[in-house]
Amino acid sequence: MGECACTLDLRLSPLTSWYKPPAPMLSKAAFYDVDGTLVRTNIVHTYAYYAMNRGSLSGIAGRTIGTIASLPLFGALDAVNRKVFNEFFYRYYSGLSEDRLVTLAEDLFEDVLKPAIFPKAQDLIDEAKKAGCRIVLVTGALDFTIRPLARHLGADDLIANKMQFNGGFATGKVIPPIIEGANKAHAIREYCVKHQLALDKSHAYSDSASDYAMLAIVGRPTAVNPDLRLRSLARAYNWPVLDLR
């Protein structure tokens, strides 16, 4: 038989050189505020636990009394400016041992956070997992206090405040930027870029109007156990409202 005259030319044609493979499909995430959204506690409860479980009896009593006496101030600052509240509040951790804080975090979870998880919180997270979402907790709490909770709920990641330590002891200052308000939204945007997540297909859940920016930045926001202001915003923007209590 003679040689075939129709030999395949494997060289790239000019048209082939312009071909670009389709970009990979971006995945999505579900971002959850913690205090008031997944659990009924807040960061003041967390510090109170540390205050009552550190040092001598007299020291414990002094810190506990001081925390209780400051509750009205905490409430006022939180209502006016969440960033200022966080900066002021975390000064109370100054001088606490890093080792002790991390060790007590496991007890804190068992004694305070685990009993405070809203009954339907796990169901909400499990539904997002089934839908293919990466689960991320986003909170103004300190990271070491929330890690056991994140592990228990099956979260994939955690965005939280980080305490500054010097020589193994807390300085009372948080490493900037402080995770609150608009900074939560900025952190979520950066997280989506870093992990190639589709922001417009992602979900966000919060109970507070202070997290409006966090909710507004994603394509699928949901108000959970909303305060009055957030309930009004949810109604205005036609956002879903859930009650996990």
C-alpha atoms as a PDB file:
ATOM      1  CA  MET A   1       0.000   0.000   0.000  1.00  0.00           C
ATOM      2  CA  GLY A   2       1.181   3.503  -0.719  1.00  0.00           C
ATOM      3  CA  GLU A   3       1.919   6.064   1.967  1.00  0.00           C
ATOM      4  CA  CYS A   4      -1.175   7.992   3.120  1.00  0.00           C
ATOM      5  CA  ALA A   5      -1.200  11.526   1.777  1.00  0.00           C
ATOM      6  CA  CYS A   6      -3.343  12.888   4.624  1.00  0.00           C
ATOM      7  CA  THR A   7      -0.764  12.948   7.441  1.00  0.00           C
ATOM      8  CA  LEU A   8      -2.049  14.777  10.559  1.00  0.00           C
ATOM      9  CA  ASP A   9      -0.221  18.045  11.165  1.00  0.00           C
ATOM     10  CA  LEU A  10       0.281  18.356  14.900  1.00  0.00           C
ATOM     11  CA  ARG A  11       1.729  21.835  14.748  1.00  0.00           C
ATOM     12  CA  LEU A  12      -0.359  24.596  16.332  1.00  0.00           C
ATOM     13  CA  SER A  13      -2.248  26.744  13.884  1.00  0.00           C
ATOM     14  CA  PRO A  14      -2.483  30.525  14.436  1.00  0.00           C
ATOM     15  CA  LEU A  15      -6.038  30.058  15.689  1.00  0.00           C
ATOM     16  CA  THR A  16      -4.977  27.387  18.192  1.00  0.00           C
ATOM     17  CA  SER A  17      -2.408  29.726  19.755  1.00  0.00           C
ATOM     18  CA  TRP A  18      -5.244  32.075  20.797  1.00  0.00           C
ATOM     19  CA  TYR A  19      -7.170  29.364  22.587  1.00  0.00           C
ATOM     20  CA  LYS A  20      -7.501  29.760  26.354  1.00  0.00           C
ATOM     21  CA  PRO A  21      -8.967  26.965  28.463  1.00  0.00           C
ATOM     22  CA  PRO A  22     -12.070  27.955  30.451  1.00  0.00           C
ATOM     23  CA  ALA A  23     -11.400  29.310  33.937  1.00  0.00           C
ATOM     24  CA  PRO A  24     -12.111  26.836  36.715  1.00  0.00           C
ATOM     25  CA  MET A  25     -15.511  27.175  38.352  1.00  0.00           C
ATOM     26  CA  LEU A  26     -15.263  29.200  41.536  1.00  0.00           C
ATOM     27  CA  SER A  27     -16.628  27.571  44.669  1.00  0.00           C
ATOM     28  CA  LYS A  28     -18.621  29.393  47.329  1.00  0.00           C
ATOM     29  CA  ALA A  29     -18.606  29.886  51.085  1.00  0.00           C
ATOM     30  CA  ALA A  30     -20.983  30.464  53.968  1.00  0.00           C
ATOM     31  CA  PHE A  31     -19.790  33.088  56.465  1.00  0.00           C
ATOM     32  CA  TYR A  32     -21.275  33.050  59.969  1.00  0.00           C
ATOM     33  CA  ASP A  33     -21.153  35.641  62.697  1.00  0.00           C
ATOM     34  CA  VAL A  34     -20.961  33.817  66.052  1.00  0.00           C
ATOM     35  CA  ASP A  35     -22.308  35.769  69.043  1.00  0.00           C
ATOM     36  CA  GLY A  36     -26.089  35.989  68.846  1.00  0.00           C
ATOM     37  CA  THR A  37     -26.139  34.112  65.530  1.00  0.00           C
ATOM     38  CA  LEU A  38     -24.890  30.628  66.389  1.00  0.00           C
ATOM     39  CA  VAL A  39     -24.620  30.960  70.173  1.00  0.00           C
ATOM     40  CA  ARG A  40     -26.482  33.040  72.757  1.00  0.00           C
ATOM     41  CA  THR A  41     -23.296  34.179  74.523  1.00  0.00           C
ATOM     42  CA  ASN A  42     -20.980  37.098  73.745  1.00  0.00           C
ATOM     43  CA  ILE A  43     -17.352  38.102  74.334  1.00  0.00           C
ATOM     44  CA  VAL A  44     -18.125  39.532  77.773  1.00  0.00           C
ATOM     45  CA  HIS A  45     -19.266  36.078  78.927  1.00  0.00           C
ATOM     46  CA  THR A  46     -15.985  34.700  77.575  1.00  0.00           C
ATOM     47  CA  TYR A  47     -13.820  37.132  79.524  1.00  0.00           C
ATOM     48  CA  ALA A  48     -15.896  36.602  82.673  1.00  0.00           C
ATOM     49  CA  TYR A  49     -15.069  32.898  82.447  1.00  0.00           C
ATOM     50  CA  TYR A  50     -11.356  33.654  82.275  1.00  0.00           C
ATOM     51  CA  ALA A  51     -11.661  36.156  85.123  1.00  0.00           C
ATOM     52  CA  MET A  52     -13.209  33.518  87.354  1.00  0.00           C
ATOM     53  CA  ASN A  53     -10.642  30.844  86.516  1.00  0.00           C
ATOM     54  CA  ARG A  54      -7.302  32.524  86.864  1.00  0.00           C
ATOM     55  CA  GLY A  55      -5.012  33.333  89.769  1.00  0.00           C
ATOM     56  CA  SER A  56      -5.679  33.618  93.474  1.00  0.00           C
ATOM     57  CA  LEU A  57      -9.139  33.803  95.010  1.00  0.00           C
ATOM     58  CA  SER A  58      -8.682  37.477  95.781  1.00  0.00           C
ATOM     59  CA  GLY A  59      -7.533  38.168  92.228  1.00  0.00           C
ATOM     60  CA  ILE A  60     -10.444  36.215  90.788  1.00  0.00           C
ATOM     61  CA  ALA A  61     -12.893  38.128  92.969  1.00  0.00           C
ATOM     62  CA  GLY A  62     -11.392  41.459  91.957  1.00  0.00           C
ATOM     63  CA  ARG A  63     -11.539  40.720  88.239  1.00  0.00           C
ATOM     64  CA  THR A  64     -15.070  39.352  88.472  1.00  0.00           C
ATOM     65  CA  ILE A  65     -16.341  42.359  90.406  1.00  0.00           C
ATOM     66  CA  GLY A  66     -14.547  44.685  88.002  1.00  0.00           C
ATOM     67  CA  THR A  67     -16.136  42.970  84.999  1.00  0.00           C
ATOM     68  CA  ILE A  68     -19.624  43.151  86.500  1.00  0.00           C
ATOM     69  CA  ALA A  69     -19.159  46.817  87.395  1.00  0.00           C
ATOM     70  CA  SER A  70     -18.116  47.576  83.814  1.00  0.00           C
ATOM     71  CA  LEU A  71     -21.122  45.913  82.156  1.00  0.00           C
ATOM     72  CA  PRO A  72     -23.083  49.188  81.685  1.00  0.00           C
ATOM     73  CA  LEU A  73     -20.014  50.781  80.080  1.00  0.00           C
ATOM     74  CA  PHE A  74     -19.505  47.763  77.818  1.00  0.00           C
ATOM     75  CA  GLY A  75     -23.116  47.972  76.685  1.00  0.00           C
ATOM     76  CA  ALA A  76     -22.920  51.698  75.970  1.00  0.00           C
ATOM     77  CA  LEU A  77     -19.681  51.402  73.990  1.00  0.00           C
ATOM     78  CA  ASP A  78     -20.961  48.440  72.001  1.00  0.00           C
ATOM     79  CA  ALA A  79     -24.112  50.337  71.052  1.00  0.00           C
ATOM     80  CA  VAL A  80     -22.174  53.423  69.941  1.00  0.00           C
ATOM     81  CA  ASN A  81     -19.057  51.997  68.260  1.00  0.00           C
ATOM     82  CA  ARG A  82     -18.168  48.310  68.002  1.00  0.00           C
ATOM     83  CA  LYS A  83     -14.514  49.048  67.099  1.00  0.00           C
ATOM     84  CA  VAL A  84     -14.002  51.277  70.147  1.00  0.00           C
ATOM     85  CA  PHE A  85     -15.741  48.693  72.314  1.00  0.00           C
ATOM     86  CA  ASN A  86     -13.403  45.921  71.124  1.00  0.00           C
ATOM     87  CA  GLU A  87     -10.286  48.042  71.649  1.00  0.00           C
ATOM     88  CA  PHE A  88     -11.404  49.000  75.157  1.00  0.00           C
ATOM     89  CA  PHE A  89     -12.690  45.576  76.164  1.00  0.00           C
ATOM     90  CA  TYR A  90      -9.625  43.571  75.188  1.00  0.00           C
ATOM     91  CA  ARG A  91      -7.463  45.652  77.517  1.00  0.00           C
ATOM     92  CA  TYR A  92      -8.955  43.515  80.279  1.00  0.00           C
ATOM     93  CA  TYR A  93      -6.871  40.576  78.993  1.00  0.00           C
ATOM     94  CA  SER A  94      -3.610  42.417  79.654  1.00  0.00           C
ATOM     95  CA  GLY A  95      -1.192  40.302  81.694  1.00  0.00           C
ATOM     96  CA  LEU A  96      -2.988  36.987  81.199  1.00  0.00           C
ATOM     97  CA  SER A  97      -0.762  34.035  80.262  1.00  0.00           C
ATOM     98  CA  GLU A  98      -1.031  32.804  76.668  1.00  0.00           C
ATOM     99  CA  ASP A  99      -0.647  29.182  77.793  1.00  0.00           C
ATOM    100  CA  ARG A 100      -3.430  29.562  80.340  1.00  0.00           C
ATOM    101  CA  LEU A 101      -5.743  31.315  77.885  1.00  0.00           C
ATOM    102  CA  VAL A 102      -5.333  28.573  75.282  1.00  0.00           C
ATOM    103  CA  THR A 103      -5.705  25.785  77.856  1.00  0.00           C
ATOM    104  CA  LEU A 104      -8.841  27.322  79.363  1.00  0.00           C
ATOM    105  CA  ALA A 105     -10.379  27.721  75.899  1.00  0.00           C
ATOM    106  CA  GLU A 106     -11.301  24.029  75.862  1.00  0.00           C
ATOM    107  CA  ASP A 107     -13.006  24.320  79.268  1.00  0.00           C
ATOM    108  CA  LEU A 108     -14.674  27.549  78.157  1.00  0.00           C
ATOM    109  CA  PHE A 109     -16.185  25.720  75.207  1.00  0.00           C
ATOM    110  CA  GLU A 110     -17.515  22.848  77.317  1.00  0.00           C
ATOM    111  CA  ASP A 111     -18.813  25.024  80.174  1.00  0.00           C
ATOM    112  CA  VAL A 112     -20.057  28.148  78.365  1.00  0.00           C
ATOM    113  CA  LEU A 113     -20.195  27.958  74.576  1.00  0.00           C
ATOM    114  CA  LYS A 114     -21.384  24.418  73.894  1.00  0.00           C
ATOM    115  CA  PRO A 115     -24.498  24.724  76.119  1.00  0.00           C
ATOM    116  CA  ALA A 116     -25.243  28.085  74.464  1.00  0.00           C
ATOM    117  CA  ILE A 117     -25.327  26.840  70.851  1.00  0.00           C
ATOM    118  CA  PHE A 118     -28.739  27.559  69.361  1.00  0.00           C
ATOM    119  CA  PRO A 119     -30.700  24.338  68.711  1.00  0.00           C
ATOM    120  CA  LYS A 120     -30.887  24.817  64.934  1.00  0.00           C
ATOM    121  CA  ALA A 121     -27.386  26.221  64.403  1.00  0.00           C
ATOM    122  CA  GLN A 122     -25.835  22.902  63.414  1.00  0.00           C
ATOM    123  CA  ASP A 123     -28.651  22.220  60.941  1.00  0.00           C
ATOM    124  CA  LEU A 124     -27.994  25.578  59.253  1.00  0.00           C
ATOM    125  CA  ILE A 125     -24.307  24.776  58.874  1.00  0.00           C
ATOM    126  CA  ASP A 126     -24.957  21.230  57.685  1.00  0.00           C
ATOM    127  CA  GLU A 127     -27.307  22.511  54.967  1.00  0.00           C
ATOM    128  CA  ALA A 128     -24.606  24.874  53.688  1.00  0.00           C
ATOM    129  CA  LYS A 129     -22.100  22.016  53.628  1.00  0.00           C
ATOM    130  CA  LYS A 130     -24.474  19.869  51.570  1.00  0.00           C
ATOM    131  CA  ALA A 131     -24.817  22.786  49.149  1.00  0.00           C
ATOM    132  CA  GLY A 132     -21.043  22.762  48.611  1.00  0.00           C
ATOM    133  CA  CYS A 133     -20.143  25.772  50.753  1.00  0.00           C
ATOM    134  CA  ARG A 134     -16.907  26.242  52.634  1.00  0.00           C
ATOM    135  CA  ILE A 135     -17.885  27.005  56.252  1.00  0.00           C
ATOM    136  CA  VAL A 136     -16.180  30.056  57.764  1.00  0.00           C
ATOM    137  CA  LEU A 137     -16.873  31.633  61.165  1.00  0.00           C
ATOM    138  CA  VAL A 138     -16.332  35.413  61.211  1.00  0.00           C
ATOM    139  CA  THR A 139     -16.221  36.949  64.666  1.00  0.00           C
ATOM    140  CA  GLY A 140     -14.903  39.804  66.751  1.00  0.00           C
ATOM    141  CA  ALA A 141     -14.022  37.283  69.469  1.00  0.00           C
ATOM    142  CA  LEU A 142     -10.425  36.203  70.026  1.00  0.00           C
ATOM    143  CA  ASP A 143      -9.363  33.311  67.818  1.00  0.00           C
ATOM    144  CA  PHE A 144      -8.257  30.935  70.594  1.00  0.00           C
ATOM    145  CA  THR A 145     -11.639  31.262  72.340  1.00  0.00           C
ATOM    146  CA  ILE A 146     -13.561  30.209  69.206  1.00  0.00           C
ATOM    147  CA  ARG A 147     -11.372  27.409  67.788  1.00  0.00           C
ATOM    148  CA  PRO A 148     -13.008  24.631  69.870  1.00  0.00           C
ATOM    149  CA  LEU A 149     -16.459  25.862  68.791  1.00  0.00           C
ATOM    150  CA  ALA A 150     -15.374  25.992  65.139  1.00  0.00           C
ATOM    151  CA  ARG A 151     -14.076  22.445  65.388  1.00  0.00           C
ATOM    152  CA  HIS A 152     -17.291  21.238  67.041  1.00  0.00           C
ATOM    153  CA  LEU A 153     -19.516  22.833  64.383  1.00  0.00           C
ATOM    154  CA  GLY A 154     -17.375  21.457  61.559  1.00  0.00           C
ATOM    155  CA  ALA A 155     -16.196  24.824  60.264  1.00  0.00           C
ATOM    156  CA  ASP A 156     -13.465  24.826  57.626  1.00  0.00           C
ATOM    157  CA  ASP A 157     -11.911  28.096  58.710  1.00  0.00           C
ATOM    158  CA  LEU A 158     -12.043  30.958  61.177  1.00  0.00           C
ATOM    159  CA  ILE A 159     -11.682  34.724  60.761  1.00  0.00           C
ATOM    160  CA  ALA A 160     -11.269  36.262  64.221  1.00  0.00           C
ATOM    161  CA  ASN A 161      -9.345  38.799  66.251  1.00  0.00           C
ATOM    162  CA  LYS A 162      -5.835  37.886  67.345  1.00  0.00           C
ATOM    163  CA  MET A 163      -4.433  38.992  70.689  1.00  0.00           C
ATOM    164  CA  GLN A 164      -0.933  40.460  70.784  1.00  0.00           C
ATOM    165  CA  PHE A 165       1.383  38.597  73.165  1.00  0.00           C
ATOM    166  CA  ASN A 166       4.730  39.684  74.565  1.00  0.00           C
ATOM    167  CA  GLY A 167       6.900  37.191  76.416  1.00  0.00           C
ATOM    168  CA  GLY A 168       3.984  34.769  76.663  1.00  0.00           C
ATOM    169  CA  PHE A 169       1.551  37.291  78.186  1.00  0.00           C
ATOM    170  CA  ALA A 170      -1.302  39.231  76.617  1.00  0.00           C
ATOM    171  CA  THR A 171      -0.653  42.931  76.033  1.00  0.00           C
ATOM    172  CA  GLY A 172      -4.367  43.745  75.909  1.00  0.00           C
ATOM    173  CA  LYS A 173      -4.008  44.898  72.305  1.00  0.00           C
ATOM    174  CA  VAL A 174      -5.460  43.180  69.258  1.00  0.00           C
ATOM    175  CA  ILE A 175      -3.359  42.754  66.121  1.00  0.00           C
ATOM    176  CA  PRO A 176      -4.958  45.055  63.516  1.00  0.00           C
ATOM    177  CA  PRO A 177      -7.205  45.183  61.684  1.00  0.00           C
ATOM    178  CA  ILE A 178      -9.875  44.575  64.312  1.00  0.00           C
ATOM    179  CA  ILE A 179     -12.536  42.232  62.958  1.00  0.00           C
ATOM    180  CA  GLU A 180     -15.778  44.206  63.277  1.00  0.00           C
ATOM    181  CA  GLY A 181     -18.318  46.039  61.128  1.00  0.00           C
ATOM    182  CA  ALA A 182     -16.897  47.095  57.774  1.00  0.00           C
ATOM    183  CA  ASN A 183     -13.657  45.229  58.502  1.00  0.00           C
ATOM    184  CA  LYS A 184     -15.627  41.967  58.518  1.00  0.00           C
ATOM    185  CA  ALA A 185     -16.762  42.707  54.978  1.00  0.00           C
ATOM    186  CA  HIS A 186     -13.201  43.554  53.928  1.00  0.00           C
ATOM    187  CA  ALA A 187     -11.891  40.335  55.499  1.00  0.00           C
ATOM    188  CA  ILE A 188     -14.547  38.290  53.687  1.00  0.00           C
ATOM    189  CA  ARG A 189     -13.682  39.901  50.343  1.00  0.00           C
ATOM    190  CA  GLU A 190      -9.971  39.174  50.841  1.00  0.00           C
ATOM    191  CA  TYR A 191     -10.731  35.618  51.914  1.00  0.00           C
ATOM    192  CA  CYS A 192     -12.766  34.989  48.762  1.00  0.00           C
ATOM    193  CA  VAL A 193      -9.990  36.346  46.550  1.00  0.00           C
ATOM    194  CA  LYS A 194      -7.345  34.252  48.307  1.00  0.00           C
ATOM    195  CA  HIS A 195      -9.339  31.027  48.110  1.00  0.00           C
ATOM    196  CA  GLN A 196     -10.976  31.660  44.704  1.00  0.00           C
ATOM    197  CA  LEU A 197     -14.486  31.756  46.111  1.00  0.00           C
ATOM    198  CA  ALA A 198     -17.398  33.371  44.304  1.00  0.00           C
ATOM    199  CA  LEU A 199     -18.530  36.260  46.494  1.00  0.00           C
ATOM    200  CA  ASP A 200     -21.805  36.690  44.616  1.00  0.00           C
ATOM    201  CA  LYS A 201     -22.701  33.028  45.225  1.00  0.00           C
ATOM    202  CA  SER A 202     -21.635  33.012  48.868  1.00  0.00           C
ATOM    203  CA  HIS A 203     -23.831  33.292  51.957  1.00  0.00           C
ATOM    204  CA  ALA A 204     -23.524  35.377  55.121  1.00  0.00           C
ATOM    205  CA  TYR A 205     -25.457  35.102  58.374  1.00  0.00           C
ATOM    206  CA  SER A 206     -25.672  37.558  61.272  1.00  0.00           C
ATOM    207  CA  ASP A 207     -28.007  38.734  64.015  1.00  0.00           C
ATOM    208  CA  SER A 208     -26.871  42.356  64.215  1.00  0.00           C
ATOM    209  CA  ALA A 209     -27.271  45.492  62.103  1.00  0.00           C
ATOM    210  CA  SER A 210     -23.623  46.227  62.953  1.00  0.00           C
ATOM    211  CA  ASP A 211     -22.845  43.452  60.448  1.00  0.00           C
ATOM    212  CA  TYR A 212     -24.760  45.123  57.619  1.00  0.00           C
ATOM    213  CA  ALA A 213     -21.589  45.441  55.502  1.00  0.00           C
ATOM    214  CA  MET A 214     -20.819  41.738  55.954  1.00  0.00           C
ATOM    215  CA  LEU A 215     -24.301  40.801  54.801  1.00  0.00           C
ATOM    216  CA  ALA A 216     -24.443  43.280  51.931  1.00  0.00           C
ATOM    217  CA  ILE A 217     -21.155  42.184  50.372  1.00  0.00           C
ATOM    218  CA  VAL A 218     -22.287  38.627  49.571  1.00  0.00           C
ATOM    219  CA  GLY A 219     -24.875  37.510  47.059  1.00  0.00           C
ATOM    220  CA  ARG A 220     -26.980  35.586  49.576  1.00  0.00           C
ATOM    221  CA  PRO A 221     -27.345  37.346  52.952  1.00  0.00           C
ATOM    222  CA  THR A 222     -29.591  36.072  55.755  1.00  0.00           C
ATOM    223  CA  ALA A 223     -30.642  37.752  59.000  1.00  0.00           C
ATOM    224  CA  VAL A 224     -30.550  35.262  61.882  1.00  0.00           C
ATOM    225  CA  ASN A 225     -32.249  36.041  65.215  1.00  0.00           C
ATOM    226  CA  PRO A 226     -32.132  39.682  64.050  1.00  0.00           C
ATOM    227  CA  ASP A 227     -32.181  42.731  66.264  1.00  0.00           C
ATOM    228  CA  LEU A 228     -34.793  45.388  65.457  1.00  0.00           C
ATOM    229  CA  ARG A 229     -32.547  47.378  63.111  1.00  0.00           C
ATOM    230  CA  LEU A 230     -31.436  44.319  61.168  1.00  0.00           C
ATOM    231  CA  ARG A 231     -35.003  43.033  60.941  1.00  0.00           C
ATOM    232  CA  SER A 232     -35.975  46.379  59.395  1.00  0.00           C
ATOM    233  CA  LEU A 233     -33.061  46.209  56.947  1.00  0.00           C
ATOM    234  CA  ALA A 234     -33.911  42.629  56.011  1.00  0.00           C
ATOM    235  CA  ARG A 235     -37.479  43.688  55.278  1.00  0.00           C
ATOM    236  CA  ALA A 236     -36.295  46.616  53.156  1.00  0.00           C
ATOM    237  CA  TYR A 237     -33.861  44.499  51.108  1.00  0.00           C
ATOM    238  CA  ASN A 238     -36.044  41.384  51.060  1.00  0.00           C
ATOM    239  CA  TRP A 239     -33.411  39.281  52.841  1.00  0.00           C
ATOM    240  CA  PRO A 240     -34.474  35.954  54.384  1.00  0.00           C
ATOM    241  CA  VAL A 241     -34.971  35.957  58.151  1.00  0.00           C
ATOM    242  CA  LEU A 242     -34.316  32.872  60.297  1.00  0.00           C
ATOM    243  CA  ASP A 243     -34.829  32.121  63.979  1.00  0.00           C
ATOM    244  CA  LEU A 244     -32.460  29.464  65.326  1.00  0.00           C
ATOM    245  CA  ARG A 245     -33.558  29.757  68.941  1.00  0.00           C
END
